[in-house]
PDB file of N, CA and C in Angstrom:
ATOM      1  N   MET A   1      91.590 106.884  68.945  1.00  0.00           N
ATOM      2  CA  MET A   1      91.391 106.565  70.255  1.00  0.00           C
ATOM      3  C   MET A   1      92.552 106.648  71.491  1.00  0.00           C
ATOM      4  N   LEU A   2      92.115 106.872  72.477  1.00  0.00           N
ATOM      5  CA  LEU A   2      93.359 107.086  73.504  1.00  0.00           C
ATOM      6  C   LEU A   2      93.846 105.679  73.983  1.00  0.00           C
ATOM      7  N   HIS A   3      95.147 105.619  73.973  1.00  0.00           N
ATOM      8  CA  HIS A   3      95.961 104.517  74.318  1.00  0.00           C
ATOM      9  C   HIS A   3      96.524 104.896  75.521  1.00  0.00           C
ATOM     10  N   HIS A   4      96.825 105.527  76.421  1.00  0.00           N
ATOM     11  CA  HIS A   4      96.692 105.562  77.470  1.00  0.00           C
ATOM     12  C   HIS A   4      97.313 106.455  78.746  1.00  0.00           C
ATOM     13  N   VAL A   5      96.384 106.807  79.859  1.00  0.00           N
ATOM     14  CA  VAL A   5      96.795 107.841  80.564  1.00  0.00           C
ATOM     15  C   VAL A   5      97.551 107.068  81.708  1.00  0.00           C
ATOM     16  N   GLU A   6      98.667 108.307  82.444  1.00  0.00           N
ATOM     17  CA  GLU A   6      99.461 107.853  83.663  1.00  0.00           C
ATOM     18  C   GLU A   6      99.066 108.811  84.595  1.00  0.00           C
ATOM     19  N   ILE A   7      99.086 108.664  85.673  1.00  0.00           N
ATOM     20  CA  ILE A   7      98.809 109.279  86.653  1.00  0.00           C
ATOM     21  C   ILE A   7      99.580 108.942  88.349  1.00  0.00           C
ATOM     22  N   TYR A   8      99.731 109.967  88.638  1.00  0.00           N
ATOM     23  CA  TYR A   8     101.134 109.776  89.702  1.00  0.00           C
ATOM     24  C   TYR A   8     100.251 109.892  90.992  1.00  0.00           C
ATOM     25  N   VAL A   9     100.528 109.402  92.024  1.00  0.00           N
ATOM     26  CA  VAL A   9      99.914 109.164  93.097  1.00  0.00           C
ATOM     27  C   VAL A   9     100.527 109.456  94.646  1.00  0.00           C
ATOM     28  N   SER A  10     100.039 109.738  95.328  1.00  0.00           N
ATOM     29  CA  SER A  10     100.920 109.889  96.547  1.00  0.00           C
ATOM     30  C   SER A  10     100.989 108.730  97.337  1.00  0.00           C
ATOM     31  N   ASN A  11      99.926 107.750  97.436  1.00  0.00           N
ATOM     32  CA  ASN A  11      99.878 106.621  97.986  1.00  0.00           C
ATOM     33  C   ASN A  11      99.867 105.293  97.214  1.00  0.00           C
ATOM     34  N   LEU A  12     100.698 104.712  96.485  1.00  0.00           N
ATOM     35  CA  LEU A  12     100.447 103.753  95.324  1.00  0.00           C
ATOM     36  C   LEU A  12      99.429 102.451  95.971  1.00  0.00           C
ATOM     37  N   GLU A  13      99.675 102.263  97.350  1.00  0.00           N
ATOM     38  CA  GLU A  13      99.093 101.290  97.859  1.00  0.00           C
ATOM     39  C   GLU A  13      97.489 101.350  97.853  1.00  0.00           C
ATOM     40  N   LYS A  14      96.868 102.798  98.427  1.00  0.00           N
ATOM     41  CA  LYS A  14      95.934 103.057  98.466  1.00  0.00           C
ATOM     42  C   LYS A  14      95.053 103.154  97.074  1.00  0.00           C
ATOM     43  N   SER A  15      95.756 103.567  96.251  1.00  0.00           N
ATOM     44  CA  SER A  15      95.454 103.845  94.647  1.00  0.00           C
ATOM     45  C   SER A  15      94.960 102.601  94.006  1.00  0.00           C
ATOM     46  N   ILE A  16      95.932 101.443  94.455  1.00  0.00           N
ATOM     47  CA  ILE A  16      95.788 100.433  93.824  1.00  0.00           C
ATOM     48  C   ILE A  16      94.685  99.561  94.574  1.00  0.00           C
ATOM     49  N   ASP A  17      94.080  99.717  95.979  1.00  0.00           N
ATOM     50  CA  ASP A  17      93.173  99.246  96.398  1.00  0.00           C
ATOM     51  C   ASP A  17      91.541  99.688  95.540  1.00  0.00           C
ATOM     52  N   PHE A  18      91.830 101.196  95.331  1.00  0.00           N
ATOM     53  CA  PHE A  18      90.865 101.498  95.365  1.00  0.00           C
ATOM     54  C   PHE A  18      90.438 101.602  93.787  1.00  0.00           C
ATOM     55  N   TRP A  19      91.342 101.757  92.766  1.00  0.00           N
ATOM     56  CA  TRP A  19      91.537 101.991  91.167  1.00  0.00           C
ATOM     57  C   TRP A  19      91.216  99.961  91.007  1.00  0.00           C
ATOM     58  N   GLY A  20      92.138  99.308  91.588  1.00  0.00           N
ATOM     59  CA  GLY A  20      91.780  97.651  91.405  1.00  0.00           C
ATOM     60  C   GLY A  20      90.413  97.248  91.245  1.00  0.00           C
ATOM     61  N   TRP A  21      89.788  98.072  92.390  1.00  0.00           N
ATOM     62  CA  TRP A  21      88.221  97.556  92.951  1.00  0.00           C
ATOM     63  C   TRP A  21      87.184  98.167  91.823  1.00  0.00           C
ATOM     64  N   PHE A  22      87.609  99.202  91.682  1.00  0.00           N
ATOM     65  CA  PHE A  22      86.687 100.518  90.406  1.00  0.00           C
ATOM     66  C   PHE A  22      86.759  99.756  88.797  1.00  0.00           C
ATOM     67  N   LEU A  23      88.158  99.623  88.455  1.00  0.00           N
ATOM     68  CA  LEU A  23      88.245  99.267  87.126  1.00  0.00           C
ATOM     69  C   LEU A  23      88.076  97.499  86.839  1.00  0.00           C
ATOM     70  N   LYS A  24      88.231  96.815  87.647  1.00  0.00           N
ATOM     71  CA  LYS A  24      87.478  95.378  88.012  1.00  0.00           C
ATOM     72  C   LYS A  24      86.130  95.259  87.672  1.00  0.00           C
ATOM     73  N   GLN A  25      85.654  95.994  88.326  1.00  0.00           N
ATOM     74  CA  GLN A  25      84.059  96.594  88.050  1.00  0.00           C
ATOM     75  C   GLN A  25      83.386  96.746  86.718  1.00  0.00           C
ATOM     76  N   LEU A  26      84.591  97.356  85.759  1.00  0.00           N
ATOM     77  CA  LEU A  26      84.504  98.054  84.388  1.00  0.00           C
ATOM     78  C   LEU A  26      84.736  97.106  83.202  1.00  0.00           C
ATOM     79  N   GLY A  27      85.636  95.365  84.022  1.00  0.00           N
ATOM     80  CA  GLY A  27      86.155  94.943  83.163  1.00  0.00           C
ATOM     81  C   GLY A  27      87.809  95.039  82.741  1.00  0.00           C
ATOM     82  N   TYR A  28      87.963  96.129  83.416  1.00  0.00           N
ATOM     83  CA  TYR A  28      89.703  95.941  82.877  1.00  0.00           C
ATOM     84  C   TYR A  28      90.345  94.958  83.846  1.00  0.00           C
ATOM     85  N   LYS A  29      91.558  94.451  83.061  1.00  0.00           N
ATOM     86  CA  LYS A  29      92.867  93.541  84.098  1.00  0.00           C
ATOM     87  C   LYS A  29      93.745  94.603  84.106  1.00  0.00           C
ATOM     88  N   LYS A  30      94.521  93.566  85.586  1.00  0.00           N
ATOM     89  CA  LYS A  30      95.711  93.882  85.692  1.00  0.00           C
ATOM     90  C   LYS A  30      96.999  93.562  84.382  1.00  0.00           C
ATOM     91  N   PHE A  31      97.415  94.856  84.095  1.00  0.00           N
ATOM     92  CA  PHE A  31      98.094  94.778  82.772  1.00  0.00           C
ATOM     93  C   PHE A  31      99.812  94.560  83.173  1.00  0.00           C
ATOM     94  N   GLN A  32      99.983  95.606  83.957  1.00  0.00           N
ATOM     95  CA  GLN A  32     101.541  95.982  84.569  1.00  0.00           C
ATOM     96  C   GLN A  32     101.782  95.917  86.109  1.00  0.00           C
ATOM     97  N   LYS A  33     102.815  95.086  86.707  1.00  0.00           N
ATOM     98  CA  LYS A  33     102.787  95.720  87.799  1.00  0.00           C
ATOM     99  C   LYS A  33     104.661  95.732  88.493  1.00  0.00           C
ATOM    100  N   TRP A  34     104.921  96.878  88.539  1.00  0.00           N
ATOM    101  CA  TRP A  34     106.432  96.999  89.086  1.00  0.00           C
ATOM    102  C   TRP A  34     107.014  98.110  90.522  1.00  0.00           C
ATOM    103  N   ASN A  35     107.913  98.105  91.063  1.00  0.00           N
ATOM    104  CA  ASN A  35     107.629  98.694  92.496  1.00  0.00           C
ATOM    105  C   ASN A  35     107.202  99.711  92.602  1.00  0.00           C
ATOM    106  N   GLU A  36     107.265 101.152  91.526  1.00  0.00           N
ATOM    107  CA  GLU A  36     106.593 102.072  91.553  1.00  0.00           C
ATOM    108  C   GLU A  36     105.463 102.509  90.983  1.00  0.00           C
ATOM    109  N   GLY A  37     104.735 100.994  90.350  1.00  0.00           N
ATOM    110  CA  GLY A  37     103.308 101.181  89.647  1.00  0.00           C
ATOM    111  C   GLY A  37     102.615 100.193  89.167  1.00  0.00           C
ATOM    112  N   ILE A  38     101.756 100.633  88.688  1.00  0.00           N
ATOM    113  CA  ILE A  38     100.673  99.351  88.175  1.00  0.00           C
ATOM    114  C   ILE A  38      99.901  99.873  86.939  1.00  0.00           C
ATOM    115  N   SER A  39      99.278  99.072  86.606  1.00  0.00           N
ATOM    116  CA  SER A  39      98.610  99.561  85.246  1.00  0.00           C
ATOM    117  C   SER A  39      97.544  98.329  84.917  1.00  0.00           C
ATOM    118  N   TRP A  40      95.748  98.682  84.602  1.00  0.00           N
ATOM    119  CA  TRP A  40      95.267  97.980  84.181  1.00  0.00           C
ATOM    120  C   TRP A  40      94.950  98.541  82.694  1.00  0.00           C
ATOM    121  N   LYS A  41      94.402  97.046  81.844  1.00  0.00           N
ATOM    122  CA  LYS A  41      93.833  96.994  80.525  1.00  0.00           C
ATOM    123  C   LYS A  41      92.624  96.915  80.155  1.00  0.00           C
ATOM    124  N   LYS A  42      92.227  97.697  79.237  1.00  0.00           N
ATOM    125  CA  LYS A  42      90.706  97.106  78.688  1.00  0.00           C
ATOM    126  C   LYS A  42      90.853  97.269  77.272  1.00  0.00           C
ATOM    127  N   GLY A  43      90.480  96.401  76.320  1.00  0.00           N
ATOM    128  CA  GLY A  43      90.704  96.281  74.792  1.00  0.00           C
ATOM    129  C   GLY A  43      91.985  96.876  74.540  1.00  0.00           C
ATOM    130  N   ARG A  44      92.554  97.934  73.836  1.00  0.00           N
ATOM    131  CA  ARG A  44      93.738  98.835  73.455  1.00  0.00           C
ATOM    132  C   ARG A  44      94.109  99.745  74.801  1.00  0.00           C
ATOM    133  N   THR A  45      93.521 100.168  75.325  1.00  0.00           N
ATOM    134  CA  THR A  45      93.876 101.588  76.302  1.00  0.00           C
ATOM    135  C   THR A  45      94.092 100.979  77.795  1.00  0.00           C
ATOM    136  N   TYR A  46      94.824 101.473  78.087  1.00  0.00           N
ATOM    137  CA  TYR A  46      95.709 101.167  79.713  1.00  0.00           C
ATOM    138  C   TYR A  46      95.189 102.500  80.551  1.00  0.00           C
ATOM    139  N   ILE A  47      95.028 102.351  81.660  1.00  0.00           N
ATOM    140  CA  ILE A  47      95.592 103.157  82.759  1.00  0.00           C
ATOM    141  C   ILE A  47      96.429 102.791  83.712  1.00  0.00           C
ATOM    142  N   VAL A  48      97.533 103.687  83.837  1.00  0.00           N
ATOM    143  CA  VAL A  48      98.824 103.598  84.780  1.00  0.00           C
ATOM    144  C   VAL A  48      98.924 104.274  86.107  1.00  0.00           C
ATOM    145  N   PHE A  49      99.123 104.065  87.224  1.00  0.00           N
ATOM    146  CA  PHE A  49      99.416 104.744  88.322  1.00  0.00           C
ATOM    147  C   PHE A  49     101.094 104.512  88.843  1.00  0.00           C
ATOM    148  N   VAL A  50     101.327 105.515  88.976  1.00  0.00           N
ATOM    149  CA  VAL A  50     103.024 105.381  89.558  1.00  0.00           C
ATOM    150  C   VAL A  50     102.839 106.475  90.531  1.00  0.00           C
ATOM    151  N   GLN A  51     103.514 105.736  91.672  1.00  0.00           N
ATOM    152  CA  GLN A  51     103.954 106.295  93.136  1.00  0.00           C
ATOM    153  C   GLN A  51     104.753 107.729  92.712  1.00  0.00           C
ATOM    154  N   ALA A  52     104.464 109.001  93.218  1.00  0.00           N
ATOM    155  CA  ALA A  52     105.568 110.159  92.864  1.00  0.00           C
ATOM    156  C   ALA A  52     106.078 109.849  93.983  1.00  0.00           C
ATOM    157  N   LYS A  53     107.121 110.629  93.490  1.00  0.00           N
ATOM    158  CA  LYS A  53     108.331 110.869  94.268  1.00  0.00           C
ATOM    159  C   LYS A  53     108.475 111.757  95.679  1.00  0.00           C
ATOM    160  N   LYS A  54     108.876 111.196  96.387  1.00  0.00           N
ATOM    161  CA  LYS A  54     108.573 112.179  98.167  1.00  0.00           C
ATOM    162  C   LYS A  54     108.820 113.607  97.904  1.00  0.00           C
ATOM    163  N   LYS A  55     109.429 113.925  96.892  1.00  0.00           N
ATOM    164  CA  LYS A  55     110.039 115.900  97.014  1.00  0.00           C
ATOM    165  C   LYS A  55     108.952 116.151  96.325  1.00  0.00           C
ATOM    166  N   TYR A  56     107.842 115.405  95.617  1.00  0.00           N
ATOM    167  CA  TYR A  56     106.985 116.249  94.803  1.00  0.00           C
ATOM    168  C   TYR A  56     105.543 115.948  95.629  1.00  0.00           C
ATOM    169  N   LEU A  57     105.413 115.194  96.676  1.00  0.00           N
ATOM    170  CA  LEU A  57     104.560 115.133  97.512  1.00  0.00           C
ATOM    171  C   LEU A  57     104.035 116.530  98.432  1.00  0.00           C
ATOM    172  N   ASP A  58     104.869 117.521  98.133  1.00  0.00           N
ATOM    173  CA  ASP A  58     104.418 118.992  99.155  1.00  0.00           C
ATOM    174  C   ASP A  58     103.304 119.277  98.496  1.00  0.00           C
ATOM    175  N   VAL A  59     102.728 119.184  97.531  1.00  0.00           N
ATOM    176  CA  VAL A  59     102.034 120.033  96.426  1.00  0.00           C
ATOM    177  C   VAL A  59     100.855 118.951  96.286  1.00  0.00           C
ATOM    178  N   SER A  60      99.596 118.933  96.874  1.00  0.00           N
ATOM    179  CA  SER A  60      98.211 117.893  96.576  1.00  0.00           C
ATOM    180  C   SER A  60      97.668 118.218  95.706  1.00  0.00           C
ATOM    181  N   PHE A  61      97.274 117.477  95.153  1.00  0.00           N
ATOM    182  CA  PHE A  61      96.068 117.334  93.875  1.00  0.00           C
ATOM    183  C   PHE A  61      95.096 118.243  94.042  1.00  0.00           C
ATOM    184  N   HIS A  62      94.372 119.042  93.166  1.00  0.00           N
ATOM    185  CA  HIS A  62      93.125 119.687  92.982  1.00  0.00           C
ATOM    186  C   HIS A  62      92.771 119.868  92.054  1.00  0.00           C
ATOM    187  N   ARG A  63      91.487 119.414  91.571  1.00  0.00           N
ATOM    188  CA  ARG A  63      91.186 119.644  90.298  1.00  0.00           C
ATOM    189  C   ARG A  63      90.743 120.504  89.520  1.00  0.00           C
ATOM    190  N   CYS A  64      90.627 121.712  90.411  1.00  0.00           N
ATOM    191  CA  CYS A  64      90.674 123.204  89.726  1.00  0.00           C
ATOM    192  C   CYS A  64      91.267 123.793  89.350  1.00  0.00           C
ATOM    193  N   ARG A  65      92.995 123.427  89.402  1.00  0.00           N
ATOM    194  CA  ARG A  65      94.145 123.851  89.107  1.00  0.00           C
ATOM    195  C   ARG A  65      94.310 123.392  87.498  1.00  0.00           C
ATOM    196  N   VAL A  66      95.136 123.868  87.016  1.00  0.00           N
ATOM    197  CA  VAL A  66      95.533 123.586  85.457  1.00  0.00           C
ATOM    198  C   VAL A  66      95.612 122.179  85.328  1.00  0.00           C
ATOM    199  N   GLY A  67      95.200 121.137  84.652  1.00  0.00           N
ATOM    200  CA  GLY A  67      95.409 120.202  84.352  1.00  0.00           C
ATOM    201  C   GLY A  67      94.313 119.341  84.349  1.00  0.00           C
ATOM    202  N   LEU A  68      94.421 118.178  84.777  1.00  0.00           N
ATOM    203  CA  LEU A  68      93.300 117.119  84.591  1.00  0.00           C
ATOM    204  C   LEU A  68      91.904 117.490  85.544  1.00  0.00           C
ATOM    205  N   ASN A  69      90.697 117.823  85.390  1.00  0.00           N
ATOM    206  CA  ASN A  69      89.754 118.041  86.041  1.00  0.00           C
ATOM    207  C   ASN A  69      88.726 116.536  86.822  1.00  0.00           C
ATOM    208  N   HIS A  70      88.763 115.286  85.859  1.00  0.00           N
ATOM    209  CA  HIS A  70      88.197 114.335  86.402  1.00  0.00           C
ATOM    210  C   HIS A  70      88.403 113.226  84.924  1.00  0.00           C
ATOM    211  N   LEU A  71      88.147 112.296  85.500  1.00  0.00           N
ATOM    212  CA  LEU A  71      88.124 110.932  84.777  1.00  0.00           C
ATOM    213  C   LEU A  71      86.771 110.521  84.628  1.00  0.00           C
ATOM    214  N   ALA A  72      85.984 110.496  83.323  1.00  0.00           N
ATOM    215  CA  ALA A  72      84.854 109.775  83.255  1.00  0.00           C
ATOM    216  C   ALA A  72      85.070 108.204  82.609  1.00  0.00           C
ATOM    217  N   PHE A  73      83.826 107.704  82.982  1.00  0.00           N
ATOM    218  CA  PHE A  73      83.907 106.244  82.502  1.00  0.00           C
ATOM    219  C   PHE A  73      82.089 105.826  82.016  1.00  0.00           C
ATOM    220  N   HIS A  74      81.941 105.281  80.694  1.00  0.00           N
ATOM    221  CA  HIS A  74      80.795 104.520  80.643  1.00  0.00           C
ATOM    222  C   HIS A  74      80.128 103.575  81.318  1.00  0.00           C
ATOM    223  N   ALA A  75      78.953 103.858  81.682  1.00  0.00           N
ATOM    224  CA  ALA A  75      78.152 102.834  82.411  1.00  0.00           C
ATOM    225  C   ALA A  75      77.151 102.237  81.233  1.00  0.00           C
ATOM    226  N   GLN A  76      76.974 101.464  81.076  1.00  0.00           N
ATOM    227  CA  GLN A  76      76.232 100.618  80.283  1.00  0.00           C
ATOM    228  C   GLN A  76      74.414 100.887  80.597  1.00  0.00           C
ATOM    229  N   SER A  77      74.084 101.167  81.643  1.00  0.00           N
ATOM    230  CA  SER A  77      72.519 101.440  81.993  1.00  0.00           C
ATOM    231  C   SER A  77      72.367 101.971  83.547  1.00  0.00           C
ATOM    232  N   LYS A  78      71.306 102.471  83.326  1.00  0.00           N
ATOM    233  CA  LYS A  78      71.125 103.665  85.041  1.00  0.00           C
ATOM    234  C   LYS A  78      71.286 102.644  86.205  1.00  0.00           C
ATOM    235  N   LYS A  79      70.753 101.277  85.688  1.00  0.00           N
ATOM    236  CA  LYS A  79      70.771 100.161  86.908  1.00  0.00           C
ATOM    237  C   LYS A  79      72.500  99.630  87.213  1.00  0.00           C
ATOM    238  N   ASP A  80      73.038 100.038  86.223  1.00  0.00           N
ATOM    239  CA  ASP A  80      74.651  99.683  86.673  1.00  0.00           C
ATOM    240  C   ASP A  80      75.329 100.815  87.393  1.00  0.00           C
ATOM    241  N   VAL A  81      74.601 102.181  87.148  1.00  0.00           N
ATOM    242  CA  VAL A  81      75.090 103.788  87.785  1.00  0.00           C
ATOM    243  C   VAL A  81      74.599 103.384  89.449  1.00  0.00           C
ATOM    244  N   ASP A  82      73.245 102.986  89.493  1.00  0.00           N
ATOM    245  CA  ASP A  82      72.514 102.697  90.405  1.00  0.00           C
ATOM    246  C   ASP A  82      73.519 101.904  91.521  1.00  0.00           C
ATOM    247  N   GLN A  83      73.795 100.853  91.070  1.00  0.00           N
ATOM    248  CA  GLN A  83      74.781  99.794  91.964  1.00  0.00           C
ATOM    249  C   GLN A  83      75.922 100.274  92.079  1.00  0.00           C
ATOM    250  N   MET A  84      76.508 100.591  91.198  1.00  0.00           N
ATOM    251  CA  MET A  84      77.969 101.481  91.751  1.00  0.00           C
ATOM    252  C   MET A  84      77.536 102.275  92.899  1.00  0.00           C
ATOM    253  N   THR A  85      76.577 103.382  92.923  1.00  0.00           N
ATOM    254  CA  THR A  85      76.580 104.282  93.619  1.00  0.00           C
ATOM    255  C   THR A  85      76.532 103.067  95.151  1.00  0.00           C
ATOM    256  N   GLU A  86      75.620 102.126  95.098  1.00  0.00           N
ATOM    257  CA  GLU A  86      75.683 101.528  96.310  1.00  0.00           C
ATOM    258  C   GLU A  86      77.004 100.649  97.018  1.00  0.00           C
ATOM    259  N   ASN A  87      77.767 100.525  95.879  1.00  0.00           N
ATOM    260  CA  ASN A  87      78.702  99.736  95.980  1.00  0.00           C
ATOM    261  C   ASN A  87      79.779 100.763  96.580  1.00  0.00           C
ATOM    262  N   LEU A  88      79.526 101.680  96.032  1.00  0.00           N
ATOM    263  CA  LEU A  88      80.577 103.319  96.550  1.00  0.00           C
ATOM    264  C   LEU A  88      80.315 103.524  97.964  1.00  0.00           C
ATOM    265  N   LYS A  89      78.783 103.461  98.480  1.00  0.00           N
ATOM    266  CA  LYS A  89      78.551 103.893  99.425  1.00  0.00           C
ATOM    267  C   LYS A  89      78.966 102.769 100.621  1.00  0.00           C
ATOM    268  N   LYS A  90      78.539 101.220 100.227  1.00  0.00           N
ATOM    269  CA  LYS A  90      79.386 100.268 101.023  1.00  0.00           C
ATOM    270  C   LYS A  90      81.049 100.243 101.337  1.00  0.00           C
ATOM    271  N   LYS A  91      81.853 100.687 100.104  1.00  0.00           N
ATOM    272  CA  LYS A  91      83.128 100.672 100.592  1.00  0.00           C
ATOM    273  C   LYS A  91      83.513 102.213 101.448  1.00  0.00           C
ATOM    274  N   ASN A  92      82.494 102.827 101.912  1.00  0.00           N
ATOM    275  CA  ASN A  92      82.747 104.668 102.287  1.00  0.00           C
ATOM    276  C   ASN A  92      83.830 105.494 101.257  1.00  0.00           C
ATOM    277  N   ILE A  93      83.410 105.359  99.971  1.00  0.00           N
ATOM    278  CA  ILE A  93      84.360 105.969  99.123  1.00  0.00           C
ATOM    279  C   ILE A  93      83.244 107.386  98.894  1.00  0.00           C
ATOM    280  N   LYS A  94      84.048 108.605  98.951  1.00  0.00           N
ATOM    281  CA  LYS A  94      83.291 110.053  99.054  1.00  0.00           C
ATOM    282  C   LYS A  94      82.693 110.135  97.779  1.00  0.00           C
ATOM    283  N   ILE A  95      81.025 110.319  97.678  1.00  0.00           N
ATOM    284  CA  ILE A  95      80.425 110.449  96.749  1.00  0.00           C
ATOM    285  C   ILE A  95      80.143 112.153  96.673  1.00  0.00           C
ATOM    286  N   LEU A  96      80.414 112.745  95.525  1.00  0.00           N
ATOM    287  CA  LEU A  96      80.172 114.115  95.531  1.00  0.00           C
ATOM    288  C   LEU A  96      78.687 114.319  95.118  1.00  0.00           C
ATOM    289  N   TYR A  97      78.700 115.696  95.350  1.00  0.00           N
ATOM    290  CA  TYR A  97      77.084 116.169  94.392  1.00  0.00           C
ATOM    291  C   TYR A  97      75.760 115.115  95.249  1.00  0.00           C
ATOM    292  N   LEU A  98      76.169 114.272  96.446  1.00  0.00           N
ATOM    293  CA  LEU A  98      74.688 113.656  96.779  1.00  0.00           C
ATOM    294  C   LEU A  98      73.408 114.020  96.620  1.00  0.00           C
ATOM    295  N   ASP A  99      73.567 115.522  96.841  1.00  0.00           N
ATOM    296  CA  ASP A  99      72.203 116.456  97.006  1.00  0.00           C
ATOM    297  C   ASP A  99      71.569 116.127  95.367  1.00  0.00           C
ATOM    298  N   LYS A 100      72.665 116.080  94.594  1.00  0.00           N
ATOM    299  CA  LYS A 100      71.736 116.070  93.116  1.00  0.00           C
ATOM    300  C   LYS A 100      72.073 114.794  92.461  1.00  0.00           C
ATOM    301  N   ASN A 101      72.689 113.539  92.944  1.00  0.00           N
ATOM    302  CA  ASN A 101      72.559 112.596  92.276  1.00  0.00           C
ATOM    303  C   ASN A 101      71.498 111.705  92.130  1.00  0.00           C
ATOM    304  N   PRO A 102      71.086 111.139  91.170  1.00  0.00           N
ATOM    305  CA  PRO A 102      72.199 110.690  89.531  1.00  0.00           C
ATOM    306  C   PRO A 102      72.039 111.888  88.570  1.00  0.00           C
ATOM    307  N   HIS A 103      71.620 112.874  88.716  1.00  0.00           N
ATOM    308  CA  HIS A 103      71.440 113.991  87.994  1.00  0.00           C
ATOM    309  C   HIS A 103      72.270 115.369  88.309  1.00  0.00           C
ATOM    310  N   ALA A 104      73.608 115.219  88.921  1.00  0.00           N
ATOM    311  CA  ALA A 104      74.421 116.167  88.956  1.00  0.00           C
ATOM    312  C   ALA A 104      74.792 116.807  87.824  1.00  0.00           C
ATOM    313  N   GLY A 105      74.927 116.193  86.648  1.00  0.00           N
ATOM    314  CA  GLY A 105      74.996 116.777  85.525  1.00  0.00           C
ATOM    315  C   GLY A 105      73.859 117.223  84.581  1.00  0.00           C
ATOM    316  N   GLY A 106      73.145 117.598  85.108  1.00  0.00           N
ATOM    317  CA  GLY A 106      71.728 117.939  84.456  1.00  0.00           C
ATOM    318  C   GLY A 106      70.650 116.916  84.539  1.00  0.00           C
ATOM    319  N   SER A 107      69.656 117.275  84.066  1.00  0.00           N
ATOM    320  CA  SER A 107      68.578 116.704  83.588  1.00  0.00           C
ATOM    321  C   SER A 107      68.624 115.420  83.097  1.00  0.00           C
ATOM    322  N   GLN A 108      69.235 115.719  81.735  1.00  0.00           N
ATOM    323  CA  GLN A 108      69.213 114.616  81.177  1.00  0.00           C
ATOM    324  C   GLN A 108      70.531 113.452  81.440  1.00  0.00           C
ATOM    325  N   TYR A 109      70.904 113.834  82.415  1.00  0.00           N
ATOM    326  CA  TYR A 109      72.145 113.191  83.044  1.00  0.00           C
ATOM    327  C   TYR A 109      71.884 112.163  83.418  1.00  0.00           C
ATOM    328  N   TYR A 110      72.681 111.149  83.677  1.00  0.00           N
ATOM    329  CA  TYR A 110      72.310 110.078  84.490  1.00  0.00           C
ATOM    330  C   TYR A 110      73.871 109.407  85.218  1.00  0.00           C
ATOM    331  N   GLY A 111      74.546 109.495  86.343  1.00  0.00           N
ATOM    332  CA  GLY A 111      75.562 109.093  86.559  1.00  0.00           C
ATOM    333  C   GLY A 111      75.922 109.516  88.211  1.00  0.00           C
ATOM    334  N   VAL A 112      77.119 109.150  88.681  1.00  0.00           N
ATOM    335  CA  VAL A 112      77.724 109.559  89.729  1.00  0.00           C
ATOM    336  C   VAL A 112      79.195 109.798  89.959  1.00  0.00           C
ATOM    337  N   PHE A 113      79.433 110.824  90.510  1.00  0.00           N
ATOM    338  CA  PHE A 113      80.763 111.503  90.806  1.00  0.00           C
ATOM    339  C   PHE A 113      81.515 111.047  91.939  1.00  0.00           C
ATOM    340  N   PHE A 114      82.363 110.423  92.367  1.00  0.00           N
ATOM    341  CA  PHE A 114      83.314 110.021  93.410  1.00  0.00           C
ATOM    342  C   PHE A 114      84.519 110.616  93.294  1.00  0.00           C
ATOM    343  N   GLU A 115      85.388 110.423  94.564  1.00  0.00           N
ATOM    344  CA  GLU A 115      86.858 111.026  94.592  1.00  0.00           C
ATOM    345  C   GLU A 115      87.634 109.733  94.935  1.00  0.00           C
ATOM    346  N   ASP A 116      89.056 109.980  94.434  1.00  0.00           N
ATOM    347  CA  ASP A 116      89.908 108.690  94.585  1.00  0.00           C
ATOM    348  C   ASP A 116      90.785 108.781  95.853  1.00  0.00           C
ATOM    349  N   PRO A 117      91.562 108.104  96.243  1.00  0.00           N
ATOM    350  CA  PRO A 117      92.323 108.401  97.260  1.00  0.00           C
ATOM    351  C   PRO A 117      93.534 109.822  97.432  1.00  0.00           C
ATOM    352  N   ASP A 118      93.641 110.411  96.104  1.00  0.00           N
ATOM    353  CA  ASP A 118      93.780 111.686  96.056  1.00  0.00           C
ATOM    354  C   ASP A 118      92.748 112.809  95.741  1.00  0.00           C
ATOM    355  N   ARG A 119      91.722 112.508  95.541  1.00  0.00           N
ATOM    356  CA  ARG A 119      90.924 113.520  95.485  1.00  0.00           C
ATOM    357  C   ARG A 119      90.450 113.879  93.840  1.00  0.00           C
ATOM    358  N   ILE A 120      91.025 112.876  93.195  1.00  0.00           N
ATOM    359  CA  ILE A 120      90.801 112.815  91.750  1.00  0.00           C
ATOM    360  C   ILE A 120      89.362 112.944  91.558  1.00  0.00           C
ATOM    361  N   LYS A 121      88.723 113.474  90.780  1.00  0.00           N
ATOM    362  CA  LYS A 121      87.498 112.823  90.628  1.00  0.00           C
ATOM    363  C   LYS A 121      87.110 111.964  89.588  1.00  0.00           C
ATOM    364  N   VAL A 122      85.897 111.340  89.550  1.00  0.00           N
ATOM    365  CA  VAL A 122      85.882 109.819  88.995  1.00  0.00           C
ATOM    366  C   VAL A 122      84.423 110.225  88.771  1.00  0.00           C
ATOM    367  N   GLU A 123      84.162 109.876  87.267  1.00  0.00           N
ATOM    368  CA  GLU A 123      82.598 110.223  86.988  1.00  0.00           C
ATOM    369  C   GLU A 123      82.240 108.202  86.143  1.00  0.00           C
ATOM    370  N   PHE A 124      81.099 108.231  86.618  1.00  0.00           N
ATOM    371  CA  PHE A 124      80.723 106.871  85.920  1.00  0.00           C
ATOM    372  C   PHE A 124      79.038 107.351  85.596  1.00  0.00           C
ATOM    373  N   CYS A 125      78.962 107.096  84.431  1.00  0.00           N
ATOM    374  CA  CYS A 125      77.651 108.035  83.790  1.00  0.00           C
ATOM    375  C   CYS A 125      77.222 107.005  82.508  1.00  0.00           C
ATOM    376  N   THR A 126      75.962 107.114  82.254  1.00  0.00           N
ATOM    377  CA  THR A 126      75.380 106.476  81.025  1.00  0.00           C
ATOM    378  C   THR A 126      75.411 107.644  79.947  1.00  0.00           C
TER     379      THR A 126
END
């Protein structure tokens, strides 16, 4: 089982707004908060977001570089995916592969891909 994931972000406040909203929808609870970071927990697993130091902000994140490509979260149903997609649109969050949704991952796939404020790809799927 995954213990935790720690992600450095370019703007902690924007990340708190985005991830706080999204993770709350999935049943995560705020776990820890300090000046440079925050975490949310569900069960025994937690996700941490830390403000990157200024000297490391010169190169932005890109999912095609070596390292993290995306984070994927389970949806309980297709209805949940559809509701999340509508909520993302209402919040003006960039949805990826709009022309292929909800089957962007193939004909047997049902989900939605979108980006966080640092362009980290997020997936919500059945």
